Structures are given as structure tokens and as C-alpha cells.
N, C-alpha and C. Protein backbone atom coordinates (compact mmCIF):
# COMPACT_ATOMS: atom_id res chain seq x y z
N MET A 1 -15.38 22.58 14.21
CA MET A 1 -14.58 22.60 12.99
C MET A 1 -14.00 21.22 12.74
N ARG A 2 -14.09 20.75 11.53
CA ARG A 2 -13.59 19.44 11.18
C ARG A 2 -12.09 19.46 10.96
N ARG A 3 -11.45 18.32 11.24
CA ARG A 3 -10.02 18.20 10.97
C ARG A 3 -9.79 18.14 9.47
N PRO A 4 -8.73 18.79 8.97
CA PRO A 4 -8.47 18.79 7.52
C PRO A 4 -8.35 17.38 6.94
N ALA A 5 -7.74 16.45 7.67
CA ALA A 5 -7.58 15.09 7.14
C ALA A 5 -8.93 14.43 6.92
N ALA A 6 -9.84 14.59 7.87
CA ALA A 6 -11.17 13.97 7.73
C ALA A 6 -11.92 14.57 6.55
N VAL A 7 -11.79 15.88 6.35
CA VAL A 7 -12.45 16.53 5.22
C VAL A 7 -11.86 16.02 3.91
N PHE A 8 -10.53 15.91 3.85
CA PHE A 8 -9.89 15.41 2.64
C PHE A 8 -10.35 13.99 2.32
N ILE A 9 -10.39 13.13 3.34
CA ILE A 9 -10.80 11.75 3.13
C ILE A 9 -12.23 11.69 2.62
N THR A 10 -13.11 12.52 3.17
CA THR A 10 -14.49 12.55 2.73
C THR A 10 -14.57 12.89 1.24
N PHE A 11 -13.83 13.93 0.82
CA PHE A 11 -13.84 14.32 -0.59
C PHE A 11 -13.19 13.26 -1.46
N ALA A 12 -12.10 12.65 -1.00
CA ALA A 12 -11.42 11.62 -1.77
C ALA A 12 -12.32 10.41 -1.97
N LEU A 13 -13.02 10.00 -0.93
CA LEU A 13 -13.91 8.86 -1.05
C LEU A 13 -15.09 9.18 -1.95
N ALA A 14 -15.62 10.40 -1.85
CA ALA A 14 -16.75 10.79 -2.70
C ALA A 14 -16.32 10.84 -4.17
N ALA A 15 -15.12 11.32 -4.44
CA ALA A 15 -14.64 11.39 -5.82
C ALA A 15 -14.47 10.00 -6.40
N GLY A 16 -14.04 9.06 -5.59
CA GLY A 16 -13.82 7.70 -6.07
C GLY A 16 -15.11 6.93 -6.28
N THR A 17 -16.23 7.39 -5.73
CA THR A 17 -17.48 6.64 -5.87
C THR A 17 -18.48 7.38 -6.72
N GLY A 18 -18.02 8.36 -7.49
CA GLY A 18 -18.93 9.08 -8.38
C GLY A 18 -19.61 10.25 -7.70
N GLY A 19 -19.16 10.63 -6.51
CA GLY A 19 -19.72 11.77 -5.80
C GLY A 19 -19.20 13.06 -6.38
N CYS A 20 -19.14 14.10 -5.58
CA CYS A 20 -18.67 15.38 -6.08
C CYS A 20 -17.19 15.31 -6.45
N GLY A 21 -16.79 16.11 -7.38
CA GLY A 21 -15.38 16.17 -7.78
C GLY A 21 -15.10 15.24 -8.94
N GLY A 22 -13.97 15.45 -9.55
CA GLY A 22 -13.56 14.63 -10.68
C GLY A 22 -12.50 13.65 -10.25
N ASP A 23 -11.57 13.43 -11.15
CA ASP A 23 -10.49 12.52 -10.83
C ASP A 23 -9.59 13.12 -9.76
N THR A 24 -9.14 12.29 -8.86
CA THR A 24 -8.20 12.74 -7.85
C THR A 24 -6.84 12.86 -8.50
N PRO A 25 -6.14 14.02 -8.35
CA PRO A 25 -4.83 14.14 -8.97
C PRO A 25 -3.87 13.11 -8.40
N ARG A 26 -3.01 12.62 -9.25
CA ARG A 26 -2.06 11.61 -8.83
C ARG A 26 -0.88 12.29 -8.15
N PRO A 27 -0.53 11.87 -6.92
CA PRO A 27 0.63 12.44 -6.23
C PRO A 27 1.92 12.00 -6.92
N PRO A 28 3.04 12.64 -6.58
CA PRO A 28 4.31 12.32 -7.21
C PRO A 28 4.78 10.89 -6.95
N SER A 29 5.80 10.52 -7.65
CA SER A 29 6.47 9.24 -7.81
C SER A 29 6.09 8.05 -6.95
N ALA A 30 6.08 8.13 -5.64
CA ALA A 30 5.92 6.92 -4.83
C ALA A 30 4.50 6.40 -4.80
N THR A 31 3.53 7.13 -5.31
CA THR A 31 2.16 6.69 -5.25
C THR A 31 1.76 5.97 -6.52
N PRO A 32 1.28 4.73 -6.40
CA PRO A 32 0.87 3.98 -7.59
C PRO A 32 -0.34 4.61 -8.25
N PRO A 33 -0.46 4.51 -9.58
CA PRO A 33 -1.63 5.02 -10.28
C PRO A 33 -2.80 4.06 -10.10
N PRO A 34 -4.02 4.48 -10.43
CA PRO A 34 -5.15 3.56 -10.34
C PRO A 34 -4.91 2.34 -11.23
N ALA A 35 -5.34 1.21 -10.73
CA ALA A 35 -5.11 -0.04 -11.45
C ALA A 35 -6.12 -0.22 -12.56
N THR A 36 -5.63 -0.42 -13.77
CA THR A 36 -6.52 -0.72 -14.88
C THR A 36 -6.14 -2.05 -15.52
N GLU A 37 -4.88 -2.44 -15.39
CA GLU A 37 -4.41 -3.69 -15.95
C GLU A 37 -3.45 -4.34 -14.97
N PRO A 38 -3.24 -5.63 -15.08
CA PRO A 38 -2.23 -6.28 -14.25
C PRO A 38 -0.85 -5.73 -14.56
N ALA A 39 0.10 -6.03 -13.72
CA ALA A 39 1.47 -5.56 -13.92
C ALA A 39 1.97 -6.00 -15.29
N SER A 40 2.68 -5.09 -15.97
CA SER A 40 3.14 -5.40 -17.32
C SER A 40 4.36 -6.31 -17.30
N GLU A 41 5.15 -6.26 -16.24
CA GLU A 41 6.33 -7.11 -16.14
C GLU A 41 5.91 -8.42 -15.48
N PRO A 42 6.21 -9.55 -16.09
CA PRO A 42 5.75 -10.81 -15.52
C PRO A 42 6.42 -11.11 -14.19
N ALA A 43 5.64 -11.62 -13.27
CA ALA A 43 6.18 -12.03 -11.99
C ALA A 43 6.72 -13.45 -12.15
N THR A 44 7.88 -13.69 -11.55
CA THR A 44 8.46 -15.01 -11.67
C THR A 44 8.34 -15.79 -10.38
N GLY A 45 8.20 -15.09 -9.26
CA GLY A 45 8.07 -15.76 -7.98
C GLY A 45 6.66 -16.27 -7.78
N LYS A 46 6.51 -17.08 -6.78
CA LYS A 46 5.21 -17.65 -6.44
C LYS A 46 4.34 -16.59 -5.76
N PRO A 47 3.08 -16.43 -6.19
CA PRO A 47 2.19 -15.47 -5.53
C PRO A 47 1.99 -15.83 -4.05
N VAL A 48 1.67 -14.84 -3.25
CA VAL A 48 1.47 -15.00 -1.82
C VAL A 48 0.07 -14.51 -1.48
N THR A 49 -0.61 -15.18 -0.58
CA THR A 49 -1.90 -14.72 -0.09
C THR A 49 -1.73 -14.26 1.35
N LEU A 50 -2.11 -13.02 1.63
CA LEU A 50 -2.05 -12.47 2.99
C LEU A 50 -3.48 -12.20 3.45
N THR A 51 -3.74 -12.40 4.73
CA THR A 51 -5.09 -12.22 5.26
C THR A 51 -5.13 -11.32 6.48
N CYS A 52 -6.25 -10.63 6.61
CA CYS A 52 -6.62 -9.89 7.81
C CYS A 52 -8.07 -10.29 8.08
N GLY A 53 -8.29 -11.13 9.06
CA GLY A 53 -9.65 -11.59 9.31
C GLY A 53 -10.19 -12.26 8.06
N PRO A 54 -11.40 -11.87 7.61
CA PRO A 54 -11.99 -12.50 6.44
C PRO A 54 -11.43 -11.97 5.10
N THR A 55 -10.67 -10.88 5.13
CA THR A 55 -10.14 -10.30 3.89
C THR A 55 -8.89 -11.04 3.46
N ARG A 56 -8.91 -11.52 2.21
CA ARG A 56 -7.76 -12.23 1.63
C ARG A 56 -7.27 -11.43 0.44
N LEU A 57 -5.96 -11.20 0.40
CA LEU A 57 -5.35 -10.46 -0.71
C LEU A 57 -4.31 -11.32 -1.39
N LYS A 58 -4.42 -11.42 -2.72
CA LYS A 58 -3.42 -12.15 -3.49
C LYS A 58 -2.35 -11.17 -3.93
N ILE A 59 -1.13 -11.43 -3.49
CA ILE A 59 0.02 -10.60 -3.80
C ILE A 59 0.80 -11.30 -4.91
N PRO A 60 1.10 -10.62 -6.01
CA PRO A 60 1.83 -11.28 -7.10
C PRO A 60 3.24 -11.66 -6.67
N GLY A 61 3.82 -12.61 -7.37
CA GLY A 61 5.21 -12.96 -7.13
C GLY A 61 6.11 -11.82 -7.57
N ALA A 62 7.29 -11.79 -7.07
CA ALA A 62 8.23 -10.71 -7.39
C ALA A 62 8.79 -10.87 -8.80
N PRO A 63 9.04 -9.74 -9.48
CA PRO A 63 9.64 -9.80 -10.81
C PRO A 63 11.16 -10.02 -10.70
N PRO A 64 11.79 -10.46 -11.79
CA PRO A 64 13.24 -10.61 -11.76
C PRO A 64 13.89 -9.26 -11.55
N PRO A 65 14.98 -9.14 -10.91
CA PRO A 65 15.86 -10.15 -10.35
C PRO A 65 15.60 -10.41 -8.87
N LEU A 66 14.43 -10.02 -8.37
CA LEU A 66 14.14 -10.17 -6.94
C LEU A 66 13.82 -11.62 -6.58
N ALA A 67 14.22 -11.98 -5.37
CA ALA A 67 13.92 -13.31 -4.84
C ALA A 67 13.42 -13.13 -3.40
N ARG A 68 12.49 -13.98 -3.01
CA ARG A 68 11.94 -13.86 -1.65
C ARG A 68 13.05 -14.05 -0.63
N SER A 69 13.09 -13.13 0.35
CA SER A 69 14.16 -13.17 1.33
C SER A 69 13.65 -13.23 2.76
N GLY A 70 12.34 -13.30 2.95
CA GLY A 70 11.84 -13.41 4.31
C GLY A 70 10.47 -12.79 4.47
N SER A 71 10.10 -12.63 5.73
CA SER A 71 8.81 -12.03 6.06
C SER A 71 9.01 -11.03 7.18
N PHE A 72 7.97 -10.24 7.44
CA PHE A 72 8.04 -9.27 8.54
C PHE A 72 6.69 -9.22 9.24
N GLY A 73 6.72 -8.81 10.51
CA GLY A 73 5.50 -8.74 11.31
C GLY A 73 5.39 -7.45 12.08
N ARG A 74 6.18 -6.44 11.68
CA ARG A 74 6.15 -5.16 12.37
C ARG A 74 6.55 -4.05 11.42
N LEU A 75 5.91 -2.88 11.60
CA LEU A 75 6.29 -1.67 10.86
C LEU A 75 6.63 -0.60 11.89
N GLY A 76 7.85 -0.15 11.90
CA GLY A 76 8.29 0.84 12.88
C GLY A 76 7.63 2.20 12.72
N SER A 77 7.07 2.50 11.56
CA SER A 77 6.46 3.81 11.31
C SER A 77 5.06 3.95 11.89
N LEU A 78 4.43 2.86 12.28
CA LEU A 78 3.05 2.94 12.78
C LEU A 78 3.00 3.60 14.15
N THR A 79 1.99 4.43 14.36
CA THR A 79 1.84 5.14 15.63
C THR A 79 1.21 4.27 16.72
N ARG A 80 0.66 3.12 16.35
CA ARG A 80 0.12 2.20 17.35
C ARG A 80 0.40 0.76 16.91
N ARG A 81 0.35 -0.13 17.89
CA ARG A 81 0.61 -1.55 17.61
C ARG A 81 -0.58 -2.18 16.92
N LEU A 82 -0.33 -2.71 15.76
CA LEU A 82 -1.35 -3.43 15.00
C LEU A 82 -0.71 -4.70 14.44
N LYS A 83 -1.56 -5.65 14.10
CA LYS A 83 -1.06 -6.89 13.51
C LYS A 83 -0.60 -6.61 12.09
N VAL A 84 0.61 -7.04 11.77
CA VAL A 84 1.21 -6.83 10.45
C VAL A 84 1.70 -8.18 9.94
N ARG A 85 1.44 -8.44 8.65
CA ARG A 85 1.96 -9.64 7.99
C ARG A 85 2.50 -9.20 6.64
N GLY A 86 3.71 -9.64 6.32
CA GLY A 86 4.26 -9.24 5.03
C GLY A 86 5.41 -10.10 4.57
N VAL A 87 5.79 -9.89 3.31
CA VAL A 87 6.91 -10.60 2.70
C VAL A 87 7.89 -9.59 2.12
N THR A 88 9.15 -10.00 2.05
CA THR A 88 10.22 -9.16 1.51
C THR A 88 10.92 -9.90 0.38
N TRP A 89 11.19 -9.17 -0.69
CA TRP A 89 11.99 -9.69 -1.80
C TRP A 89 13.22 -8.79 -1.95
N ARG A 90 14.37 -9.38 -2.28
CA ARG A 90 15.62 -8.64 -2.46
C ARG A 90 16.34 -9.13 -3.71
N ASP A 91 17.27 -8.26 -4.19
CA ASP A 91 18.16 -8.69 -5.26
C ASP A 91 19.58 -8.71 -4.72
N ASP A 92 20.54 -9.06 -5.56
CA ASP A 92 21.93 -9.18 -5.13
C ASP A 92 22.58 -7.84 -4.81
N GLU A 93 22.02 -6.74 -5.33
CA GLU A 93 22.58 -5.41 -5.06
C GLU A 93 22.02 -4.77 -3.80
N GLY A 94 21.11 -5.44 -3.11
CA GLY A 94 20.55 -4.90 -1.88
C GLY A 94 19.24 -4.15 -2.05
N GLU A 95 18.74 -4.06 -3.28
CA GLU A 95 17.43 -3.42 -3.49
C GLU A 95 16.36 -4.36 -2.94
N GLN A 96 15.28 -3.77 -2.44
CA GLN A 96 14.23 -4.61 -1.89
C GLN A 96 12.84 -4.06 -2.16
N LEU A 97 11.88 -4.96 -2.12
CA LEU A 97 10.46 -4.65 -2.25
C LEU A 97 9.75 -5.38 -1.12
N ARG A 98 8.91 -4.66 -0.38
CA ARG A 98 8.16 -5.25 0.73
C ARG A 98 6.67 -5.07 0.47
N VAL A 99 5.88 -6.11 0.73
CA VAL A 99 4.43 -6.05 0.57
C VAL A 99 3.81 -6.72 1.78
N GLY A 100 2.76 -6.07 2.33
CA GLY A 100 2.12 -6.65 3.50
C GLY A 100 0.73 -6.11 3.74
N VAL A 101 0.14 -6.58 4.82
CA VAL A 101 -1.16 -6.09 5.27
C VAL A 101 -1.03 -5.63 6.71
N VAL A 102 -1.80 -4.60 7.05
CA VAL A 102 -1.88 -4.08 8.41
C VAL A 102 -3.32 -4.29 8.85
N CYS A 103 -3.51 -5.05 9.90
CA CYS A 103 -4.85 -5.43 10.33
C CYS A 103 -5.30 -4.61 11.54
N GLY A 104 -6.57 -4.21 11.53
CA GLY A 104 -7.15 -3.57 12.70
C GLY A 104 -7.59 -2.14 12.54
N VAL A 105 -7.23 -1.47 11.47
CA VAL A 105 -7.65 -0.08 11.27
C VAL A 105 -9.05 -0.11 10.65
N ARG A 106 -10.04 0.39 11.36
CA ARG A 106 -11.43 0.26 10.92
C ARG A 106 -11.97 1.48 10.17
N THR A 107 -11.50 2.68 10.50
CA THR A 107 -12.08 3.89 9.89
C THR A 107 -11.02 4.70 9.15
N ALA A 108 -11.49 5.54 8.25
CA ALA A 108 -10.58 6.42 7.51
C ALA A 108 -9.88 7.40 8.45
N GLU A 109 -10.59 7.84 9.49
CA GLU A 109 -9.99 8.77 10.45
C GLU A 109 -8.84 8.11 11.20
N GLN A 110 -9.01 6.85 11.63
CA GLN A 110 -7.92 6.12 12.30
C GLN A 110 -6.76 5.94 11.33
N PHE A 111 -7.07 5.60 10.10
CA PHE A 111 -6.04 5.36 9.10
C PHE A 111 -5.21 6.62 8.85
N ALA A 112 -5.86 7.77 8.78
CA ALA A 112 -5.18 9.04 8.47
C ALA A 112 -4.11 9.39 9.51
N THR A 113 -4.26 8.88 10.73
CA THR A 113 -3.30 9.20 11.79
C THR A 113 -2.35 8.04 12.09
N LEU A 114 -2.32 7.06 11.24
CA LEU A 114 -1.56 5.84 11.49
C LEU A 114 -0.04 6.02 11.37
N VAL A 115 0.41 6.95 10.53
CA VAL A 115 1.85 7.17 10.33
C VAL A 115 2.13 8.67 10.47
N ALA A 116 2.95 9.03 11.46
CA ALA A 116 3.33 10.43 11.64
C ALA A 116 4.18 10.87 10.46
N ARG A 117 4.08 12.11 10.08
CA ARG A 117 4.85 12.71 8.98
C ARG A 117 4.63 12.00 7.65
N SER A 118 3.41 11.57 7.41
CA SER A 118 3.07 10.97 6.12
C SER A 118 2.19 11.93 5.35
N THR A 119 2.07 11.70 4.07
CA THR A 119 1.21 12.51 3.22
C THR A 119 -0.06 11.73 2.94
N LEU A 120 -1.20 12.36 3.20
CA LEU A 120 -2.49 11.73 2.96
C LEU A 120 -2.90 11.97 1.52
N THR A 121 -3.31 10.91 0.85
CA THR A 121 -3.73 10.97 -0.55
C THR A 121 -4.84 9.95 -0.76
N ALA A 122 -5.12 9.59 -1.99
CA ALA A 122 -6.13 8.57 -2.28
C ALA A 122 -5.59 7.62 -3.34
N TYR A 123 -6.03 6.37 -3.28
CA TYR A 123 -5.68 5.35 -4.26
C TYR A 123 -6.91 4.49 -4.49
N ARG A 124 -7.32 4.37 -5.75
CA ARG A 124 -8.53 3.63 -6.11
C ARG A 124 -9.74 4.15 -5.33
N GLY A 125 -9.77 5.45 -5.05
CA GLY A 125 -10.86 6.07 -4.32
C GLY A 125 -10.85 5.79 -2.84
N LYS A 126 -9.75 5.28 -2.33
CA LYS A 126 -9.64 4.93 -0.90
C LYS A 126 -8.52 5.76 -0.28
N PRO A 127 -8.62 6.03 1.02
CA PRO A 127 -7.56 6.81 1.66
C PRO A 127 -6.23 6.08 1.60
N ALA A 128 -5.16 6.85 1.38
CA ALA A 128 -3.82 6.28 1.26
C ALA A 128 -2.81 7.20 1.93
N LEU A 129 -1.71 6.63 2.34
CA LEU A 129 -0.61 7.37 2.97
C LEU A 129 0.68 7.04 2.22
N ARG A 130 1.56 8.03 2.11
CA ARG A 130 2.89 7.78 1.58
C ARG A 130 3.90 8.51 2.44
N TRP A 131 5.06 7.91 2.61
CA TRP A 131 6.11 8.49 3.42
C TRP A 131 7.43 7.83 3.06
N THR A 132 8.52 8.49 3.43
CA THR A 132 9.86 7.96 3.21
C THR A 132 10.56 7.88 4.56
N THR A 133 11.18 6.75 4.84
CA THR A 133 11.88 6.59 6.11
C THR A 133 13.29 7.16 6.00
N ARG A 134 13.94 7.30 7.13
CA ARG A 134 15.29 7.87 7.15
C ARG A 134 16.27 7.10 6.30
N GLY A 135 16.08 5.81 6.17
CA GLY A 135 16.97 4.99 5.35
C GLY A 135 16.68 5.08 3.86
N GLY A 136 15.69 5.88 3.45
CA GLY A 136 15.37 6.05 2.04
C GLY A 136 14.30 5.11 1.52
N LEU A 137 13.74 4.27 2.38
CA LEU A 137 12.70 3.35 1.96
C LEU A 137 11.42 4.14 1.66
N ARG A 138 10.89 3.97 0.44
CA ARG A 138 9.66 4.66 0.03
C ARG A 138 8.48 3.77 0.41
N ASN A 139 7.55 4.31 1.19
CA ASN A 139 6.43 3.53 1.72
C ASN A 139 5.11 4.06 1.18
N PHE A 140 4.18 3.14 0.94
CA PHE A 140 2.85 3.49 0.46
C PHE A 140 1.86 2.50 1.08
N MET A 141 0.72 3.02 1.54
CA MET A 141 -0.28 2.16 2.16
C MET A 141 -1.66 2.73 1.89
N TRP A 142 -2.63 1.85 1.60
CA TRP A 142 -4.00 2.31 1.44
C TRP A 142 -4.94 1.42 2.25
N LEU A 143 -6.07 1.99 2.63
CA LEU A 143 -7.09 1.27 3.39
C LEU A 143 -7.96 0.51 2.40
N GLU A 144 -7.70 -0.78 2.26
CA GLU A 144 -8.42 -1.61 1.28
C GLU A 144 -9.87 -1.82 1.70
N SER A 145 -10.08 -2.13 2.97
CA SER A 145 -11.42 -2.33 3.51
C SER A 145 -11.33 -2.12 5.01
N PRO A 146 -12.47 -1.91 5.69
CA PRO A 146 -12.39 -1.73 7.15
C PRO A 146 -11.68 -2.93 7.79
N GLY A 147 -10.61 -2.65 8.50
CA GLY A 147 -9.83 -3.68 9.15
C GLY A 147 -8.60 -4.12 8.37
N THR A 148 -8.46 -3.72 7.10
CA THR A 148 -7.34 -4.17 6.28
C THR A 148 -6.73 -3.03 5.48
N ALA A 149 -5.44 -2.78 5.73
CA ALA A 149 -4.68 -1.82 4.93
C ALA A 149 -3.61 -2.60 4.17
N VAL A 150 -3.34 -2.20 2.94
CA VAL A 150 -2.30 -2.82 2.13
C VAL A 150 -1.05 -1.94 2.21
N TYR A 151 0.09 -2.54 2.49
CA TYR A 151 1.35 -1.82 2.66
C TYR A 151 2.35 -2.27 1.60
N LEU A 152 3.03 -1.29 0.99
CA LEU A 152 4.11 -1.56 0.04
C LEU A 152 5.28 -0.64 0.37
N ALA A 153 6.48 -1.13 0.15
CA ALA A 153 7.67 -0.30 0.35
C ALA A 153 8.75 -0.76 -0.61
N ALA A 154 9.61 0.17 -1.01
CA ALA A 154 10.70 -0.16 -1.92
C ALA A 154 11.88 0.75 -1.68
N THR A 155 13.06 0.22 -1.94
CA THR A 155 14.26 1.04 -1.93
C THR A 155 14.23 1.89 -3.20
N PRO A 156 15.03 2.96 -3.27
CA PRO A 156 14.96 3.86 -4.43
C PRO A 156 15.07 3.18 -5.79
N GLY A 157 15.87 2.15 -5.92
CA GLY A 157 16.02 1.47 -7.20
C GLY A 157 14.81 0.64 -7.61
N MET A 158 13.90 0.39 -6.69
CA MET A 158 12.71 -0.42 -6.96
C MET A 158 11.42 0.40 -6.91
N THR A 159 11.52 1.72 -6.83
CA THR A 159 10.33 2.56 -6.69
C THR A 159 9.33 2.35 -7.82
N ALA A 160 9.80 2.19 -9.04
CA ALA A 160 8.88 1.97 -10.17
C ALA A 160 8.08 0.70 -10.00
N GLN A 161 8.62 -0.28 -9.30
CA GLN A 161 7.93 -1.54 -9.08
C GLN A 161 6.74 -1.39 -8.15
N LEU A 162 6.70 -0.32 -7.34
CA LEU A 162 5.56 -0.09 -6.44
C LEU A 162 4.26 -0.02 -7.23
N ARG A 163 4.26 0.73 -8.31
CA ARG A 163 3.04 0.90 -9.12
C ARG A 163 2.55 -0.43 -9.68
N GLN A 164 3.45 -1.18 -10.27
CA GLN A 164 3.08 -2.46 -10.88
C GLN A 164 2.57 -3.44 -9.84
N THR A 165 3.22 -3.50 -8.70
CA THR A 165 2.81 -4.43 -7.66
C THR A 165 1.45 -4.04 -7.10
N ALA A 166 1.25 -2.75 -6.82
CA ALA A 166 -0.04 -2.29 -6.29
C ALA A 166 -1.18 -2.61 -7.27
N ALA A 167 -0.92 -2.41 -8.56
CA ALA A 167 -1.95 -2.66 -9.57
C ALA A 167 -2.30 -4.14 -9.68
N ALA A 168 -1.38 -5.02 -9.32
CA ALA A 168 -1.61 -6.45 -9.47
C ALA A 168 -2.21 -7.11 -8.22
N ILE A 169 -2.31 -6.39 -7.11
CA ILE A 169 -2.89 -6.97 -5.90
C ILE A 169 -4.39 -7.11 -6.07
N ARG A 170 -4.90 -8.28 -5.74
CA ARG A 170 -6.33 -8.57 -5.90
C ARG A 170 -6.93 -9.05 -4.59
N GLN A 171 -8.12 -8.60 -4.29
CA GLN A 171 -8.83 -9.03 -3.09
C GLN A 171 -9.67 -10.26 -3.41
N GLY A 172 -9.84 -11.13 -2.40
CA GLY A 172 -10.72 -12.27 -2.53
C GLY A 172 -10.07 -13.50 -3.11
N ALA A 173 -8.78 -13.47 -3.35
CA ALA A 173 -8.10 -14.64 -3.90
C ALA A 173 -7.90 -15.67 -2.80
N SER A 174 -7.84 -16.91 -3.17
CA SER A 174 -7.56 -17.94 -2.17
C SER A 174 -6.23 -18.58 -2.40
């Protein structure tokens, strides 16, 4: 008997590549919609490029009123140690937006078990996870390619920015 997560991932990937099934329903609030256009709100900060091996991702600069406040190299929610690279933006009220990459997850099955108590979904036809931490941080991550997952997180006041940021992330930028 197959694990439910593996079966879901198989159907989600097939739906995203023109296989069986139609559009994948969009999960509630914290999950970004499929990207069709760049973010509508202009980014004012300098774009950042994050890498995992040969995969390069261009991360847009943060929109106002956020300003870059540092970087991070660890995610406490992960069930195993993996290489993490990311940047954090904050505003004066304490709201924050975090964007990063998680390196080393090669298969959809490994990805599905990466965060305990997360909800498995799909984004751009790829497996995705969403979860909320005890501090209220809304987290979203999708497996961009074998070995590279894209991670986003926001405090409740910045949740709407998750969608725009996810839609503006581009692979292959230098």
C-alpha cells in the first residue's frame, strides 16, 4: 500500500504537467497562487541571488516599508539538517518577511516528510508544504528542482506579501 503523501504528490505533479486531473485547488491564505505575472507592488530593495549547487534563484528586493535586516542559515522546523541560505527583511513595527533556499532534498517523498505537522499541497505543479510556527510565522516551501527547495515565511501582517514574492522568484538568474 502506498503512503498517502506519495500518492498525493504523484497526482499533483501529473496535474501540473498536463497529466490526469485538472487544476489543483488553491489552499487557503498562506499558499501563493500560481505565478502568471511579476509582483504588482514594486520592490525597492536590491534583488538577491541564492544558490543550491548549480540552481540559482533570483529573489526580488523587498517592498516598502521593509528593509533588509540580516540572513539566516537554519530552519528549526526541518526534520533533518540541510544546508539553508536566506535573507530577512523587517519593518519598524516588527513585521518580517523571510526568503531562502533549502539544499539537499532530492525527491518528492523526502520533501513531503521534511516538516512535521505541515500541510502537503502543490505550487506551480510542484510539491509544496505550508505550516505555521508557534510564534505565528506563516511558512511556505516548494520543491523547485531536485536538490533545491524555495522557502518563504511571513509574520501575520505580511502574509499577503508571500504570494507576490513567490510569484516574482525566478530560476536561472545570475
